[in-house]
Amino acid sequence: APPAGAGRYTRRRLRTPAPHGTHQLTLTLATAAEG
C-alpha cells in the first residue's frame, strides 16, 4: 500500500469502433504530493 499523501491518479479510457479496427482515447491525470 502506498503511503498517505503519495499522490493520486484518475484515468478514463474510451474505446469506439473504427473502420477495420478500434479507436482508443485515454485521459490520465496524475498529481504527486507536491507539484
ModelCIF file with pLDDT and N, C-alpha, C, O atoms, coordinates in Angstrom:
data_MODEL
#
_entry.id   MODEL 
#
_entity.id                         1 
_entity.type                       polymer 
_entity.pdbx_number_of_molecules   1 
#
_entity_poly.entity_id                      1 
_entity_poly.type                           'polypeptide(L)' 
_entity_poly.nstd_linkage                   no 
_entity_poly.nstd_monomer                   no 
_entity_poly.pdbx_seq_one_letter_code       APPAGAGRYTRRRLRTPAPHGTHQLTLTLATAAEG 
_entity_poly.pdbx_seq_one_letter_code_can   APPAGAGRYTRRRLRTPAPHGTHQLTLTLATAAEG 
_entity_poly.pdbx_strand_id                 A 
#
loop_
_entity_poly_seq.entity_id 
_entity_poly_seq.num 
_entity_poly_seq.mon_id 
_entity_poly_seq.hetero 
1 1  ALA n 
1 2  PRO n 
1 3  PRO n 
1 4  ALA n 
1 5  GLY n 
1 6  ALA n 
1 7  GLY n 
1 8  ARG n 
1 9  TYR n 
1 10 THR n 
1 11 ARG n 
1 12 ARG n 
1 13 ARG n 
1 14 LEU n 
1 15 ARG n 
1 16 THR n 
1 17 PRO n 
1 18 ALA n 
1 19 PRO n 
1 20 HIS n 
1 21 GLY n 
1 22 THR n 
1 23 HIS n 
1 24 GLN n 
1 25 LEU n 
1 26 THR n 
1 27 LEU n 
1 28 THR n 
1 29 LEU n 
1 30 ALA n 
1 31 THR n 
1 32 ALA n 
1 33 ALA n 
1 34 GLU n 
1 35 GLY n 
#
_struct_asym.id          A 
_struct_asym.entity_id   1 
#
loop_
_ma_qa_metric.id 
_ma_qa_metric.mode 
_ma_qa_metric.name 
_ma_qa_metric.software_group_id 
_ma_qa_metric.type 
1 global pLDDT . pLDDT 
2 local  pLDDT . pLDDT 
#
_ma_qa_metric_global.metric_id      1 
_ma_qa_metric_global.metric_value   85.43 
_ma_qa_metric_global.model_id       1 
_ma_qa_metric_global.ordinal_id     1 
#
loop_
_ma_qa_metric_local.label_asym_id 
_ma_qa_metric_local.label_comp_id 
_ma_qa_metric_local.label_seq_id 
_ma_qa_metric_local.metric_id 
_ma_qa_metric_local.metric_value 
_ma_qa_metric_local.model_id 
_ma_qa_metric_local.ordinal_id 
A ALA 1  2 46.00 1 1  
A PRO 2  2 48.00 1 2  
A PRO 3  2 50.00 1 3  
A ALA 4  2 52.00 1 4  
A GLY 5  2 60.00 1 5  
A ALA 6  2 71.00 1 6  
A GLY 7  2 88.00 1 7  
A ARG 8  2 92.00 1 8  
A TYR 9  2 94.00 1 9  
A THR 10 2 94.00 1 10 
A ARG 11 2 95.00 1 11 
A ARG 12 2 95.00 1 12 
A ARG 13 2 95.00 1 13 
A LEU 14 2 94.00 1 14 
A ARG 15 2 93.00 1 15 
A THR 16 2 92.00 1 16 
A PRO 17 2 90.00 1 17 
A ALA 18 2 88.00 1 18 
A PRO 19 2 87.00 1 19 
A HIS 20 2 85.00 1 20 
A GLY 21 2 88.00 1 21 
A THR 22 2 90.00 1 22 
A HIS 23 2 93.00 1 23 
A GLN 24 2 94.00 1 24 
A LEU 25 2 94.00 1 25 
A THR 26 2 96.00 1 26 
A LEU 27 2 96.00 1 27 
A THR 28 2 96.00 1 28 
A LEU 29 2 96.00 1 29 
A ALA 30 2 95.00 1 30 
A THR 31 2 94.00 1 31 
A ALA 32 2 91.00 1 32 
A ALA 33 2 85.00 1 33 
A GLU 34 2 86.00 1 34 
A GLY 35 2 87.00 1 35 
#
loop_
_atom_site.group_PDB 
_atom_site.id 
_atom_site.type_symbol 
_atom_site.label_atom_id 
_atom_site.label_alt_id 
_atom_site.label_comp_id 
_atom_site.label_asym_id 
_atom_site.label_entity_id 
_atom_site.label_seq_id 
_atom_site.pdbx_PDB_ins_code 
_atom_site.Cartn_x 
_atom_site.Cartn_y 
_atom_site.Cartn_z 
_atom_site.occupancy 
_atom_site.B_iso_or_equiv 
_atom_site.pdbx_formal_charge 
_atom_site.auth_seq_id 
_atom_site.auth_comp_id 
_atom_site.auth_asym_id 
_atom_site.auth_atom_id 
_atom_site.pdbx_PDB_model_num 
ATOM 1   N N  . ALA A 1 1  ? 0.838   -1.193 0.000   1.00 46.00 ? 1  ALA A N  1 
ATOM 2   C CA . ALA A 1 1  ? 0.000   0.000  0.000   1.00 46.00 ? 1  ALA A CA 1 
ATOM 3   C C  . ALA A 1 1  ? 0.875   1.246  0.000   1.00 46.00 ? 1  ALA A C  1 
ATOM 4   O O  . ALA A 1 1  ? 1.788   1.353  0.819   1.00 46.00 ? 1  ALA A O  1 
ATOM 5   N N  . PRO A 1 2  ? 0.612   2.210  -0.919  1.00 48.00 ? 2  PRO A N  1 
ATOM 6   C CA . PRO A 1 2  ? 1.402   3.448  -0.931  1.00 48.00 ? 2  PRO A CA 1 
ATOM 7   C C  . PRO A 1 2  ? 1.154   4.239  0.338   1.00 48.00 ? 2  PRO A C  1 
ATOM 8   O O  . PRO A 1 2  ? 0.062   4.176  0.902   1.00 48.00 ? 2  PRO A O  1 
ATOM 9   N N  . PRO A 1 3  ? 2.139   4.976  0.791   1.00 50.00 ? 3  PRO A N  1 
ATOM 10  C CA . PRO A 1 3  ? 1.955   5.791  1.997   1.00 50.00 ? 3  PRO A CA 1 
ATOM 11  C C  . PRO A 1 3  ? 0.968   6.915  1.746   1.00 50.00 ? 3  PRO A C  1 
ATOM 12  O O  . PRO A 1 3  ? 0.744   7.319  0.605   1.00 50.00 ? 3  PRO A O  1 
ATOM 13  N N  . ALA A 1 4  ? 0.386   7.410  2.809   1.00 52.00 ? 4  ALA A N  1 
ATOM 14  C CA . ALA A 1 4  ? -0.571  8.508  2.692   1.00 52.00 ? 4  ALA A CA 1 
ATOM 15  C C  . ALA A 1 4  ? 0.117   9.744  2.120   1.00 52.00 ? 4  ALA A C  1 
ATOM 16  O O  . ALA A 1 4  ? 1.249   10.067 2.482   1.00 52.00 ? 4  ALA A O  1 
ATOM 17  N N  . GLY A 1 5  ? -0.588  10.430 1.218   1.00 60.00 ? 5  GLY A N  1 
ATOM 18  C CA . GLY A 1 5  ? -0.040  11.639 0.616   1.00 60.00 ? 5  GLY A CA 1 
ATOM 19  C C  . GLY A 1 5  ? 0.967   11.376 -0.485  1.00 60.00 ? 5  GLY A C  1 
ATOM 20  O O  . GLY A 1 5  ? 1.713   12.276 -0.870  1.00 60.00 ? 5  GLY A O  1 
ATOM 21  N N  . ALA A 1 6  ? 1.000   10.119 -1.011  1.00 71.00 ? 6  ALA A N  1 
ATOM 22  C CA . ALA A 1 6  ? 1.976   9.791  -2.057  1.00 71.00 ? 6  ALA A CA 1 
ATOM 23  C C  . ALA A 1 6  ? 1.564   10.324 -3.415  1.00 71.00 ? 6  ALA A C  1 
ATOM 24  O O  . ALA A 1 6  ? 2.367   10.298 -4.348  1.00 71.00 ? 6  ALA A O  1 
ATOM 25  N N  . GLY A 1 7  ? 0.359   10.797 -3.553  1.00 88.00 ? 7  GLY A N  1 
ATOM 26  C CA . GLY A 1 7  ? -0.134  11.262 -4.835  1.00 88.00 ? 7  GLY A CA 1 
ATOM 27  C C  . GLY A 1 7  ? -1.240  10.363 -5.356  1.00 88.00 ? 7  GLY A C  1 
ATOM 28  O O  . GLY A 1 7  ? -1.425  9.250  -4.863  1.00 88.00 ? 7  GLY A O  1 
ATOM 29  N N  . ARG A 1 8  ? -1.969  10.836 -6.342  1.00 92.00 ? 8  ARG A N  1 
ATOM 30  C CA . ARG A 1 8  ? -3.083  10.046 -6.858  1.00 92.00 ? 8  ARG A CA 1 
ATOM 31  C C  . ARG A 1 8  ? -3.245  10.269 -8.348  1.00 92.00 ? 8  ARG A C  1 
ATOM 32  O O  . ARG A 1 8  ? -2.688  11.200 -8.930  1.00 92.00 ? 8  ARG A O  1 
ATOM 33  N N  . TYR A 1 9  ? -4.023  9.389  -8.941  1.00 94.00 ? 9  TYR A N  1 
ATOM 34  C CA . TYR A 1 9  ? -4.281  9.484  -10.375 1.00 94.00 ? 9  TYR A CA 1 
ATOM 35  C C  . TYR A 1 9  ? -5.758  9.222  -10.644 1.00 94.00 ? 9  TYR A C  1 
ATOM 36  O O  . TYR A 1 9  ? -6.459  8.623  -9.828  1.00 94.00 ? 9  TYR A O  1 
ATOM 37  N N  . THR A 1 10 ? -6.207  9.678  -11.795 1.00 94.00 ? 10 THR A N  1 
ATOM 38  C CA . THR A 1 10 ? -7.546  9.385  -12.306 1.00 94.00 ? 10 THR A CA 1 
ATOM 39  C C  . THR A 1 10 ? -7.399  9.112  -13.792 1.00 94.00 ? 10 THR A C  1 
ATOM 40  O O  . THR A 1 10 ? -6.652  9.803  -14.485 1.00 94.00 ? 10 THR A O  1 
ATOM 41  N N  . ARG A 1 11 ? -8.113  8.100  -14.282 1.00 95.00 ? 11 ARG A N  1 
ATOM 42  C CA . ARG A 1 11 ? -7.952  7.715  -15.681 1.00 95.00 ? 11 ARG A CA 1 
ATOM 43  C C  . ARG A 1 11 ? -9.313  7.400  -16.302 1.00 95.00 ? 11 ARG A C  1 
ATOM 44  O O  . ARG A 1 11 ? -10.208 6.852  -15.659 1.00 95.00 ? 11 ARG A O  1 
ATOM 45  N N  . ARG A 1 12 ? -9.428  7.773  -17.584 1.00 95.00 ? 12 ARG A N  1 
ATOM 46  C CA . ARG A 1 12 ? -10.597 7.429  -18.386 1.00 95.00 ? 12 ARG A CA 1 
ATOM 47  C C  . ARG A 1 12 ? -10.089 6.834  -19.708 1.00 95.00 ? 12 ARG A C  1 
ATOM 48  O O  . ARG A 1 12 ? -9.245  7.425  -20.381 1.00 95.00 ? 12 ARG A O  1 
ATOM 49  N N  . ARG A 1 13 ? -10.614 5.659  -20.065 1.00 95.00 ? 13 ARG A N  1 
ATOM 50  C CA . ARG A 1 13 ? -10.244 5.061  -21.348 1.00 95.00 ? 13 ARG A CA 1 
ATOM 51  C C  . ARG A 1 13 ? -11.512 4.764  -22.131 1.00 95.00 ? 13 ARG A C  1 
ATOM 52  O O  . ARG A 1 13 ? -12.379 4.017  -21.678 1.00 95.00 ? 13 ARG A O  1 
ATOM 53  N N  . LEU A 1 14 ? -11.607 5.358  -23.309 1.00 94.00 ? 14 LEU A N  1 
ATOM 54  C CA . LEU A 1 14 ? -12.790 5.213  -24.160 1.00 94.00 ? 14 LEU A CA 1 
ATOM 55  C C  . LEU A 1 14 ? -12.393 4.461  -25.418 1.00 94.00 ? 14 LEU A C  1 
ATOM 56  O O  . LEU A 1 14 ? -11.420 4.818  -26.082 1.00 94.00 ? 14 LEU A O  1 
ATOM 57  N N  . ARG A 1 15 ? -13.146 3.425  -25.743 1.00 93.00 ? 15 ARG A N  1 
ATOM 58  C CA . ARG A 1 15 ? -12.901 2.638  -26.951 1.00 93.00 ? 15 ARG A CA 1 
ATOM 59  C C  . ARG A 1 15 ? -14.145 2.696  -27.830 1.00 93.00 ? 15 ARG A C  1 
ATOM 60  O O  . ARG A 1 15 ? -15.248 2.376  -27.387 1.00 93.00 ? 15 ARG A O  1 
ATOM 61  N N  . THR A 1 16 ? -13.951 3.107  -29.080 1.00 92.00 ? 16 THR A N  1 
ATOM 62  C CA . THR A 1 16 ? -15.050 3.259  -30.039 1.00 92.00 ? 16 THR A CA 1 
ATOM 63  C C  . THR A 1 16 ? -14.689 2.542  -31.333 1.00 92.00 ? 16 THR A C  1 
ATOM 64  O O  . THR A 1 16 ? -13.511 2.421  -31.669 1.00 92.00 ? 16 THR A O  1 
ATOM 65  N N  . PRO A 1 17 ? -15.708 2.063  -32.069 1.00 90.00 ? 17 PRO A N  1 
ATOM 66  C CA . PRO A 1 17 ? -15.418 1.334  -33.314 1.00 90.00 ? 17 PRO A CA 1 
ATOM 67  C C  . PRO A 1 17 ? -14.898 2.267  -34.400 1.00 90.00 ? 17 PRO A C  1 
ATOM 68  O O  . PRO A 1 17 ? -15.272 3.438  -34.466 1.00 90.00 ? 17 PRO A O  1 
ATOM 69  N N  . ALA A 1 18 ? -14.030 1.726  -35.249 1.00 88.00 ? 18 ALA A N  1 
ATOM 70  C CA . ALA A 1 18 ? -13.473 2.450  -36.390 1.00 88.00 ? 18 ALA A CA 1 
ATOM 71  C C  . ALA A 1 18 ? -13.361 1.473  -37.547 1.00 88.00 ? 18 ALA A C  1 
ATOM 72  O O  . ALA A 1 18 ? -13.354 0.264  -37.314 1.00 88.00 ? 18 ALA A O  1 
ATOM 73  N N  . PRO A 1 19 ? -13.273 1.948  -38.797 1.00 87.00 ? 19 PRO A N  1 
ATOM 74  C CA . PRO A 1 19 ? -13.114 1.033  -39.933 1.00 87.00 ? 19 PRO A CA 1 
ATOM 75  C C  . PRO A 1 19 ? -11.882 0.146  -39.747 1.00 87.00 ? 19 PRO A C  1 
ATOM 76  O O  . PRO A 1 19 ? -10.770 0.643  -39.570 1.00 87.00 ? 19 PRO A O  1 
ATOM 77  N N  . HIS A 1 20 ? -12.090 -1.157 -39.789 1.00 85.00 ? 20 HIS A N  1 
ATOM 78  C CA . HIS A 1 20 ? -11.016 -2.149 -39.687 1.00 85.00 ? 20 HIS A CA 1 
ATOM 79  C C  . HIS A 1 20 ? -10.293 -2.097 -38.352 1.00 85.00 ? 20 HIS A C  1 
ATOM 80  O O  . HIS A 1 20 ? -9.139  -2.518 -38.272 1.00 85.00 ? 20 HIS A O  1 
ATOM 81  N N  . GLY A 1 21 ? -10.931 -1.594 -37.300 1.00 88.00 ? 21 GLY A N  1 
ATOM 82  C CA . GLY A 1 21 ? -10.229 -1.551 -36.026 1.00 88.00 ? 21 GLY A CA 1 
ATOM 83  C C  . GLY A 1 21 ? -11.000 -0.794 -34.957 1.00 88.00 ? 21 GLY A C  1 
ATOM 84  O O  . GLY A 1 21 ? -12.228 -0.702 -34.991 1.00 88.00 ? 21 GLY A O  1 
ATOM 85  N N  . THR A 1 22 ? -10.236 -0.247 -33.993 1.00 90.00 ? 22 THR A N  1 
ATOM 86  C CA . THR A 1 22 ? -10.824 0.436  -32.838 1.00 90.00 ? 22 THR A CA 1 
ATOM 87  C C  . THR A 1 22 ? -10.030 1.694  -32.533 1.00 90.00 ? 22 THR A C  1 
ATOM 88  O O  . THR A 1 22 ? -8.799  1.686  -32.540 1.00 90.00 ? 22 THR A O  1 
ATOM 89  N N  . HIS A 1 23 ? -10.760 2.789  -32.263 1.00 93.00 ? 23 HIS A N  1 
ATOM 90  C CA . HIS A 1 23 ? -10.131 3.998  -31.749 1.00 93.00 ? 23 HIS A CA 1 
ATOM 91  C C  . HIS A 1 23 ? -10.091 3.907  -30.222 1.00 93.00 ? 23 HIS A C  1 
ATOM 92  O O  . HIS A 1 23 ? -11.069 3.514  -29.586 1.00 93.00 ? 23 HIS A O  1 
ATOM 93  N N  . GLN A 1 24 ? -8.959  4.274  -29.653 1.00 94.00 ? 24 GLN A N  1 
ATOM 94  C CA . GLN A 1 24 ? -8.826  4.262  -28.191 1.00 94.00 ? 24 GLN A CA 1 
ATOM 95  C C  . GLN A 1 24 ? -8.336  5.616  -27.722 1.00 94.00 ? 24 GLN A C  1 
ATOM 96  O O  . GLN A 1 24 ? -7.311  6.112  -28.191 1.00 94.00 ? 24 GLN A O  1 
ATOM 97  N N  . LEU A 1 25 ? -9.069  6.211  -26.797 1.00 94.00 ? 25 LEU A N  1 
ATOM 98  C CA . LEU A 1 25 ? -8.722  7.518  -26.233 1.00 94.00 ? 25 LEU A CA 1 
ATOM 99  C C  . LEU A 1 25 ? -8.505  7.333  -24.736 1.00 94.00 ? 25 LEU A C  1 
ATOM 100 O O  . LEU A 1 25 ? -9.400  6.861  -24.035 1.00 94.00 ? 25 LEU A O  1 
ATOM 101 N N  . THR A 1 26 ? -7.325  7.703  -24.239 1.00 96.00 ? 26 THR A N  1 
ATOM 102 C CA . THR A 1 26 ? -7.002  7.542  -22.821 1.00 96.00 ? 26 THR A CA 1 
ATOM 103 C C  . THR A 1 26 ? -6.626  8.893  -22.243 1.00 96.00 ? 26 THR A C  1 
ATOM 104 O O  . THR A 1 26 ? -5.717  9.557  -22.739 1.00 96.00 ? 26 THR A O  1 
ATOM 105 N N  . LEU A 1 27 ? -7.322  9.296  -21.201 1.00 96.00 ? 27 LEU A N  1 
ATOM 106 C CA . LEU A 1 27 ? -7.049  10.549 -20.498 1.00 96.00 ? 27 LEU A CA 1 
ATOM 107 C C  . LEU A 1 27 ? -6.605  10.207 -19.080 1.00 96.00 ? 27 LEU A C  1 
ATOM 108 O O  . LEU A 1 27 ? -7.347  9.572  -18.329 1.00 96.00 ? 27 LEU A O  1 
ATOM 109 N N  . THR A 1 28 ? -5.403  10.625 -18.718 1.00 96.00 ? 28 THR A N  1 
ATOM 110 C CA . THR A 1 28 ? -4.842  10.327 -17.401 1.00 96.00 ? 28 THR A CA 1 
ATOM 111 C C  . THR A 1 28 ? -4.439  11.620 -16.722 1.00 96.00 ? 28 THR A C  1 
ATOM 112 O O  . THR A 1 28 ? -3.778  12.465 -17.327 1.00 96.00 ? 28 THR A O  1 
ATOM 113 N N  . LEU A 1 29 ? -4.833  11.779 -15.470 1.00 96.00 ? 29 LEU A N  1 
ATOM 114 C CA . LEU A 1 29 ? -4.430  12.917 -14.649 1.00 96.00 ? 29 LEU A CA 1 
ATOM 115 C C  . LEU A 1 29 ? -3.705  12.387 -13.427 1.00 96.00 ? 29 LEU A C  1 
ATOM 116 O O  . LEU A 1 29 ? -4.206  11.499 -12.736 1.00 96.00 ? 29 LEU A O  1 
ATOM 117 N N  . ALA A 1 30 ? -2.531  12.928 -13.161 1.00 95.00 ? 30 ALA A N  1 
ATOM 118 C CA . ALA A 1 30 ? -1.718  12.450 -12.035 1.00 95.00 ? 30 ALA A CA 1 
ATOM 119 C C  . ALA A 1 30 ? -1.169  13.645 -11.269 1.00 95.00 ? 30 ALA A C  1 
ATOM 120 O O  . ALA A 1 30 ? -0.679  14.610 -11.855 1.00 95.00 ? 30 ALA A O  1 
ATOM 121 N N  . THR A 1 31 ? -1.264  13.559 -9.942  1.00 94.00 ? 31 THR A N  1 
ATOM 122 C CA . THR A 1 31 ? -0.778  14.634 -9.078  1.00 94.00 ? 31 THR A CA 1 
ATOM 123 C C  . THR A 1 31 ? 0.052   14.025 -7.957  1.00 94.00 ? 31 THR A C  1 
ATOM 124 O O  . THR A 1 31 ? -0.437  13.191 -7.195  1.00 94.00 ? 31 THR A O  1 
ATOM 125 N N  . ALA A 1 32 ? 1.312   14.447 -7.860  1.00 91.00 ? 32 ALA A N  1 
ATOM 126 C CA . ALA A 1 32 ? 2.171   13.971 -6.788  1.00 91.00 ? 32 ALA A CA 1 
ATOM 127 C C  . ALA A 1 32 ? 1.860   14.736 -5.505  1.00 91.00 ? 32 ALA A C  1 
ATOM 128 O O  . ALA A 1 32 ? 1.015   15.631 -5.485  1.00 91.00 ? 32 ALA A O  1 
ATOM 129 N N  . ALA A 1 33 ? 2.557   14.367 -4.443  1.00 85.00 ? 33 ALA A N  1 
ATOM 130 C CA . ALA A 1 33 ? 2.333   15.042 -3.171  1.00 85.00 ? 33 ALA A CA 1 
ATOM 131 C C  . ALA A 1 33 ? 2.613   16.525 -3.282  1.00 85.00 ? 33 ALA A C  1 
ATOM 132 O O  . ALA A 1 33 ? 1.952   17.335 -2.632  1.00 85.00 ? 33 ALA A O  1 
ATOM 133 N N  . GLU A 1 34 ? 3.591   16.891 -4.103  1.00 86.00 ? 34 GLU A N  1 
ATOM 134 C CA . GLU A 1 34 ? 3.906   18.287 -4.349  1.00 86.00 ? 34 GLU A CA 1 
ATOM 135 C C  . GLU A 1 34 ? 4.047   18.483 -5.850  1.00 86.00 ? 34 GLU A C  1 
ATOM 136 O O  . GLU A 1 34 ? 4.506   17.590 -6.562  1.00 86.00 ? 34 GLU A O  1 
ATOM 137 N N  . GLY A 1 35 ? 3.650   19.656 -6.326  1.00 87.00 ? 35 GLY A N  1 
ATOM 138 C CA . GLY A 1 35 ? 3.792   19.949 -7.735  1.00 87.00 ? 35 GLY A CA 1 
ATOM 139 C C  . GLY A 1 35 ? 2.452   20.056 -8.439  1.00 87.00 ? 35 GLY A C  1 
ATOM 140 O O  . GLY A 1 35 ? 2.406   20.302 -9.645  1.00 87.00 ? 35 GLY A O  1 
#
